[in-house]
């Protein structure tokens, strides 16, 4: 998570911030959360801000979606970064949560409801966090960036901000007809089938494609006031900067 993203967050959450707890450590917790919508246990990881006291106040919630092949442990590998951001006051006190969303799930189907409804409600019951949309943020890297775009743009009223980083998206509004090209070689047909079903229906992929969602939901997104921070390097090894720049153009045009 970049400091620039964190700075965006602290501006958005200024009304929720309090004096930072100097020289206090963040704490981490691991939980197994029963998801009714998925009918399964979901492994969850949590970073609690320095000086956190359970249910002492309604803190904001930041949901961090891991990338492809990841698990809830990816969040814990960012622990030192979060500690530093809390220490320096870059981030206001908030609760950060991630979960094991499957190695290549693209956060499709019931994962969307888990992110928008079940997980925040669990966090509210467990930690007393605020369920208000103006206190709920979503971010992620690669597949997690895709997930934060897809879920956030489908549900713009649910979040105050989304911050997709190097999202795993292609520069398209139509499904690519030719495989193994510059922007599609990294996703074999097996993944499309595993995520969107066999036989593969390209329309299901397009319905989940962030650029198409942005076009279809343009008025809702504008009316919601959703803040969007989009970040990617300009030498991404699978050319994800192409998809990010294309999506930026779609945002601009809308």
Protein backbone atom coordinates (compact mmCIF):
# COMPACT_ATOMS: atom_id res chain seq x y z
CA UNK A 1 0.00 0.00 0.00
CA UNK A 2 1.61 3.26 -1.08
CA UNK A 3 1.94 6.30 1.10
CA UNK A 4 0.13 8.36 -1.51
CA UNK A 5 -2.90 6.10 -1.12
CA UNK A 6 -2.62 6.41 2.64
CA UNK A 7 -2.55 10.20 2.34
CA UNK A 8 -5.75 10.08 0.30
CA UNK A 9 -7.33 7.97 3.03
CA UNK A 10 -6.34 10.29 5.86
CA UNK A 11 -7.86 13.24 4.03
CA UNK A 12 -11.09 11.34 3.49
CA UNK A 13 -11.21 10.20 7.11
CA UNK A 14 -10.11 13.42 8.76
CA UNK A 15 -13.37 13.68 10.64
CA UNK A 16 -12.68 10.26 12.21
CA UNK A 17 -9.06 10.81 13.19
CA UNK A 18 -7.78 11.24 16.71
CA UNK A 19 -4.36 11.92 18.17
CA UNK A 20 -1.95 9.16 17.23
CA UNK A 21 -0.76 6.72 19.85
CA UNK A 22 2.98 7.33 19.89
CA UNK A 23 5.32 4.39 20.37
CA UNK A 24 2.51 1.85 20.60
CA UNK A 25 2.46 -1.28 18.51
CA UNK A 26 -0.23 -2.45 16.16
CA UNK A 27 -1.69 -5.84 17.00
CA UNK A 28 -2.75 -8.65 14.70
CA UNK A 29 -5.40 -11.32 14.98
CA UNK A 30 -6.39 -14.35 12.92
CA UNK A 31 -9.96 -15.63 12.80
CA UNK A 32 -12.02 -18.22 10.99
CA UNK A 33 -15.29 -16.56 10.05
CA UNK A 34 -18.36 -18.55 9.05
CA UNK A 35 -19.87 -17.12 5.87
CA UNK A 36 -23.53 -17.93 5.34
CA UNK A 37 -23.50 -16.64 1.78
CA UNK A 38 -20.61 -18.96 0.91
CA UNK A 39 -21.58 -21.79 3.21
CA UNK A 40 -17.98 -22.12 4.35
CA UNK A 41 -15.34 -20.91 6.80
CA UNK A 42 -13.31 -17.92 5.58
CA UNK A 43 -9.83 -17.35 7.10
CA UNK A 44 -9.53 -13.68 8.10
CA UNK A 45 -6.57 -11.54 9.22
CA UNK A 46 -6.81 -8.26 11.13
CA UNK A 47 -4.48 -5.37 11.91
CA UNK A 48 -5.65 -3.27 14.86
CA UNK A 49 -4.28 0.27 15.28
CA UNK A 50 -1.97 1.24 18.17
CA UNK A 51 -3.81 1.62 21.45
CA UNK A 52 -6.93 -0.12 20.13
CA UNK A 53 -9.58 -0.82 22.74
CA UNK A 54 -12.38 -3.13 21.70
CA UNK A 55 -15.65 -1.28 21.05
CA UNK A 56 -14.20 1.93 22.46
CA UNK A 57 -15.24 3.92 19.40
CA UNK A 58 -16.58 3.40 15.90
CA UNK A 59 -13.42 3.30 13.84
CA UNK A 60 -13.29 3.19 10.03
CA UNK A 61 -12.77 -0.12 8.24
CA UNK A 62 -10.23 -0.70 5.46
CA UNK A 63 -10.68 -3.99 3.56
CA UNK A 64 -7.49 -5.08 1.79
CA UNK A 65 -7.94 -7.70 -0.96
CA UNK A 66 -4.92 -9.90 -1.71
CA UNK A 67 -3.60 -10.62 -5.18
CA UNK A 68 -3.67 -13.85 -7.17
CA UNK A 69 -2.23 -16.82 -5.32
CA UNK A 70 -2.42 -14.97 -2.02
CA UNK A 71 -4.09 -15.60 1.32
CA UNK A 72 -4.96 -13.66 4.47
CA UNK A 73 -1.24 -13.85 5.33
CA UNK A 74 -0.42 -11.27 2.66
CA UNK A 75 -1.80 -8.55 4.94
CA UNK A 76 0.49 -9.61 7.79
CA UNK A 77 3.49 -9.24 5.48
CA UNK A 78 2.57 -5.54 5.26
CA UNK A 79 2.56 -5.17 9.04
CA UNK A 80 5.70 -3.02 9.24
CA UNK A 81 4.33 -0.68 6.59
CA UNK A 82 1.09 -0.19 8.48
CA UNK A 83 2.98 0.27 11.76
CA UNK A 84 5.06 3.01 10.17
CA UNK A 85 2.04 4.75 8.68
CA UNK A 86 0.23 4.73 12.03
CA UNK A 87 3.36 5.96 13.84
CA UNK A 88 3.85 8.85 11.42
CA UNK A 89 0.19 9.83 11.43
CA UNK A 90 -0.16 9.05 7.72
CA UNK A 91 -3.09 6.82 8.62
CA UNK A 92 -5.68 7.71 11.25
CA UNK A 93 -6.76 4.92 13.61
CA UNK A 94 -8.69 2.33 11.60
CA UNK A 95 -9.13 -1.43 11.48
CA UNK A 96 -7.56 -3.22 8.50
CA UNK A 97 -8.97 -6.60 7.47
CA UNK A 98 -8.12 -9.13 4.78
CA UNK A 99 -9.16 -12.71 4.10
CA UNK A 100 -8.26 -15.73 2.02
CA UNK A 101 -10.36 -15.19 -1.08
CA UNK A 102 -9.07 -18.10 -3.16
CA UNK A 103 -5.89 -18.21 -5.25
CA UNK A 104 -7.58 -17.16 -8.52
CA UNK A 105 -11.17 -16.29 -7.61
CA UNK A 106 -11.28 -12.75 -9.01
CA UNK A 107 -13.63 -12.18 -6.06
CA UNK A 108 -16.48 -13.36 -8.25
CA UNK A 109 -20.03 -14.23 -7.20
CA UNK A 110 -20.68 -14.61 -3.48
CA UNK A 111 -17.36 -12.95 -2.59
CA UNK A 112 -18.98 -9.64 -3.53
CA UNK A 113 -21.65 -10.01 -0.84
CA UNK A 114 -19.04 -11.20 1.65
CA UNK A 115 -17.06 -7.98 1.11
CA UNK A 116 -19.97 -5.54 1.04
CA UNK A 117 -22.11 -7.10 3.78
CA UNK A 118 -20.92 -10.11 5.78
CA UNK A 119 -17.34 -9.08 6.55
CA UNK A 120 -18.18 -5.51 7.66
CA UNK A 121 -21.00 -6.80 9.88
CA UNK A 122 -18.66 -9.34 11.44
CA UNK A 123 -16.08 -6.60 12.05
CA UNK A 124 -18.73 -4.37 13.64
CA UNK A 125 -19.77 -7.13 16.01
CA UNK A 126 -16.18 -8.10 16.82
CA UNK A 127 -14.49 -4.70 17.03
CA UNK A 128 -17.22 -2.07 17.06
CA UNK A 129 -16.14 -0.55 13.75
CA UNK A 130 -18.48 1.79 11.91
CA UNK A 131 -20.70 0.34 9.20
CA UNK A 132 -21.34 3.74 7.65
CA UNK A 133 -20.30 3.95 3.98
CA UNK A 134 -18.38 7.13 4.73
CA UNK A 135 -16.17 5.08 7.07
CA UNK A 136 -15.62 2.08 4.77
CA UNK A 137 -12.72 1.78 2.32
CA UNK A 138 -11.56 -0.88 -0.11
CA UNK A 139 -8.13 -1.51 -1.61
CA UNK A 140 -6.13 -4.31 -3.18
CA UNK A 141 -3.22 -5.25 -5.43
CA UNK A 142 -3.38 -7.09 -8.78
CA UNK A 143 -6.33 -9.51 -8.48
CA UNK A 144 -7.22 -7.55 -5.36
CA UNK A 145 -7.09 -4.34 -7.39
CA UNK A 146 -9.48 -5.93 -9.85
CA UNK A 147 -11.72 -6.98 -6.97
CA UNK A 148 -11.74 -3.53 -5.39
CA UNK A 149 -12.69 -1.99 -8.74
CA UNK A 150 -15.36 -4.52 -9.59
CA UNK A 151 -16.99 -4.54 -6.15
CA UNK A 152 -16.58 -0.81 -5.57
CA UNK A 153 -17.96 0.25 -8.96
CA UNK A 154 -20.90 -2.15 -8.62
CA UNK A 155 -21.64 -0.80 -5.14
CA UNK A 156 -20.47 2.83 -5.18
CA UNK A 157 -22.80 3.86 -2.36
CA UNK A 158 -21.19 1.31 -0.01
CA UNK A 159 -17.73 2.92 0.18
CA UNK A 160 -16.25 6.37 0.67
CA UNK A 161 -13.21 5.40 -1.41
CA UNK A 162 -11.54 2.59 -3.33
CA UNK A 163 -7.82 2.39 -4.09
CA UNK A 164 -7.02 -0.28 -6.69
CA UNK A 165 -3.30 -0.76 -7.25
CA UNK A 166 -1.88 -2.44 -10.35
CA UNK A 167 -5.32 -3.99 -10.96
CA UNK A 168 -5.35 -7.13 -13.10
CA UNK A 169 -7.46 -5.66 -15.89
CA UNK A 170 -7.19 -5.47 -19.67
CA UNK A 171 -7.78 -2.39 -21.86
CA UNK A 172 -11.07 -3.68 -23.29
CA UNK A 173 -14.81 -3.19 -23.50
CA UNK A 174 -15.22 -6.41 -25.52
CA UNK A 175 -13.75 -9.82 -24.78
CA UNK A 176 -10.50 -10.34 -26.75
CA UNK A 177 -11.00 -12.73 -29.62
CA UNK A 178 -7.34 -13.58 -30.05
CA UNK A 179 -5.56 -15.27 -27.13
CA UNK A 180 -1.93 -14.81 -26.07
CA UNK A 181 -1.75 -11.16 -27.01
CA UNK A 182 0.03 -8.37 -25.09
CA UNK A 183 -2.79 -7.84 -22.60
CA UNK A 184 -4.33 -11.30 -22.35
CA UNK A 185 -1.48 -13.84 -22.41
CA UNK A 186 -1.33 -14.03 -18.62
CA UNK A 187 -4.88 -15.38 -18.24
CA UNK A 188 -5.33 -18.87 -19.76
CA UNK A 189 -8.78 -20.12 -20.74
CA UNK A 190 -8.81 -22.48 -17.77
CA UNK A 191 -8.95 -19.51 -15.40
CA UNK A 192 -11.85 -17.95 -17.31
CA UNK A 193 -13.68 -21.29 -17.05
CA UNK A 194 -12.85 -21.76 -13.38
CA UNK A 195 -14.17 -18.30 -12.51
CA UNK A 196 -16.97 -17.65 -14.98
CA UNK A 197 -18.11 -21.20 -15.70
CA UNK A 198 -17.95 -23.98 -18.26
CA UNK A 199 -18.73 -23.54 -21.06
CA UNK A 200 -17.19 -20.11 -20.75
CA UNK A 201 -19.58 -17.24 -21.49
CA UNK A 202 -17.61 -14.10 -22.46
CA UNK A 203 -20.58 -11.93 -21.51
CA UNK A 204 -20.20 -12.92 -17.86
CA UNK A 205 -16.59 -11.76 -18.01
CA UNK A 206 -17.62 -8.47 -19.63
CA UNK A 207 -20.33 -7.91 -17.02
CA UNK A 208 -17.60 -8.09 -14.35
CA UNK A 209 -15.05 -6.04 -16.31
CA UNK A 210 -14.41 -2.77 -14.41
CA UNK A 211 -14.42 -0.59 -17.53
CA UNK A 212 -17.82 -1.93 -18.56
CA UNK A 213 -19.16 -1.49 -15.03
CA UNK A 214 -17.92 2.10 -15.02
CA UNK A 215 -19.81 2.83 -18.22
CA UNK A 216 -22.99 1.05 -17.11
CA UNK A 217 -22.96 2.61 -13.62
CA UNK A 218 -21.60 6.02 -14.56
CA UNK A 219 -24.50 8.02 -13.13
CA UNK A 220 -24.61 6.02 -9.89
CA UNK A 221 -20.88 6.42 -9.42
CA UNK A 222 -21.08 10.16 -9.99
CA UNK A 223 -24.07 10.55 -7.66
CA UNK A 224 -22.44 8.48 -4.92
CA UNK A 225 -19.39 10.72 -4.64
CA UNK A 226 -17.14 7.64 -4.56
CA UNK A 227 -13.47 8.61 -4.40
CA UNK A 228 -11.22 6.54 -6.66
CA UNK A 229 -7.44 6.31 -6.49
CA UNK A 230 -5.87 4.29 -9.30
CA UNK A 231 -2.18 3.44 -9.25
CA UNK A 232 0.17 1.27 -11.34
CA UNK A 233 3.82 1.29 -12.34
CA UNK A 234 4.67 2.20 -15.93
CA UNK A 235 6.83 -0.89 -16.48
CA UNK A 236 4.49 -3.59 -15.18
CA UNK A 237 5.75 -6.95 -16.40
CA UNK A 238 2.30 -8.13 -17.56
CA UNK A 239 1.42 -4.68 -18.97
CA UNK A 240 -1.21 -3.88 -16.35
CA UNK A 241 -0.46 -0.21 -16.95
CA UNK A 242 -2.27 -0.59 -20.29
CA UNK A 243 -5.49 -1.60 -18.56
CA UNK A 244 -5.14 1.07 -15.88
CA UNK A 245 -4.60 3.83 -18.44
CA UNK A 246 -7.56 2.59 -20.49
CA UNK A 247 -9.75 2.61 -17.38
CA UNK A 248 -8.51 6.09 -16.51
CA UNK A 249 -9.68 7.20 -19.95
CA UNK A 250 -13.09 5.61 -19.34
CA UNK A 251 -13.33 7.43 -16.00
CA UNK A 252 -12.32 10.68 -17.69
CA UNK A 253 -14.89 10.29 -20.47
CA UNK A 254 -17.60 9.65 -17.88
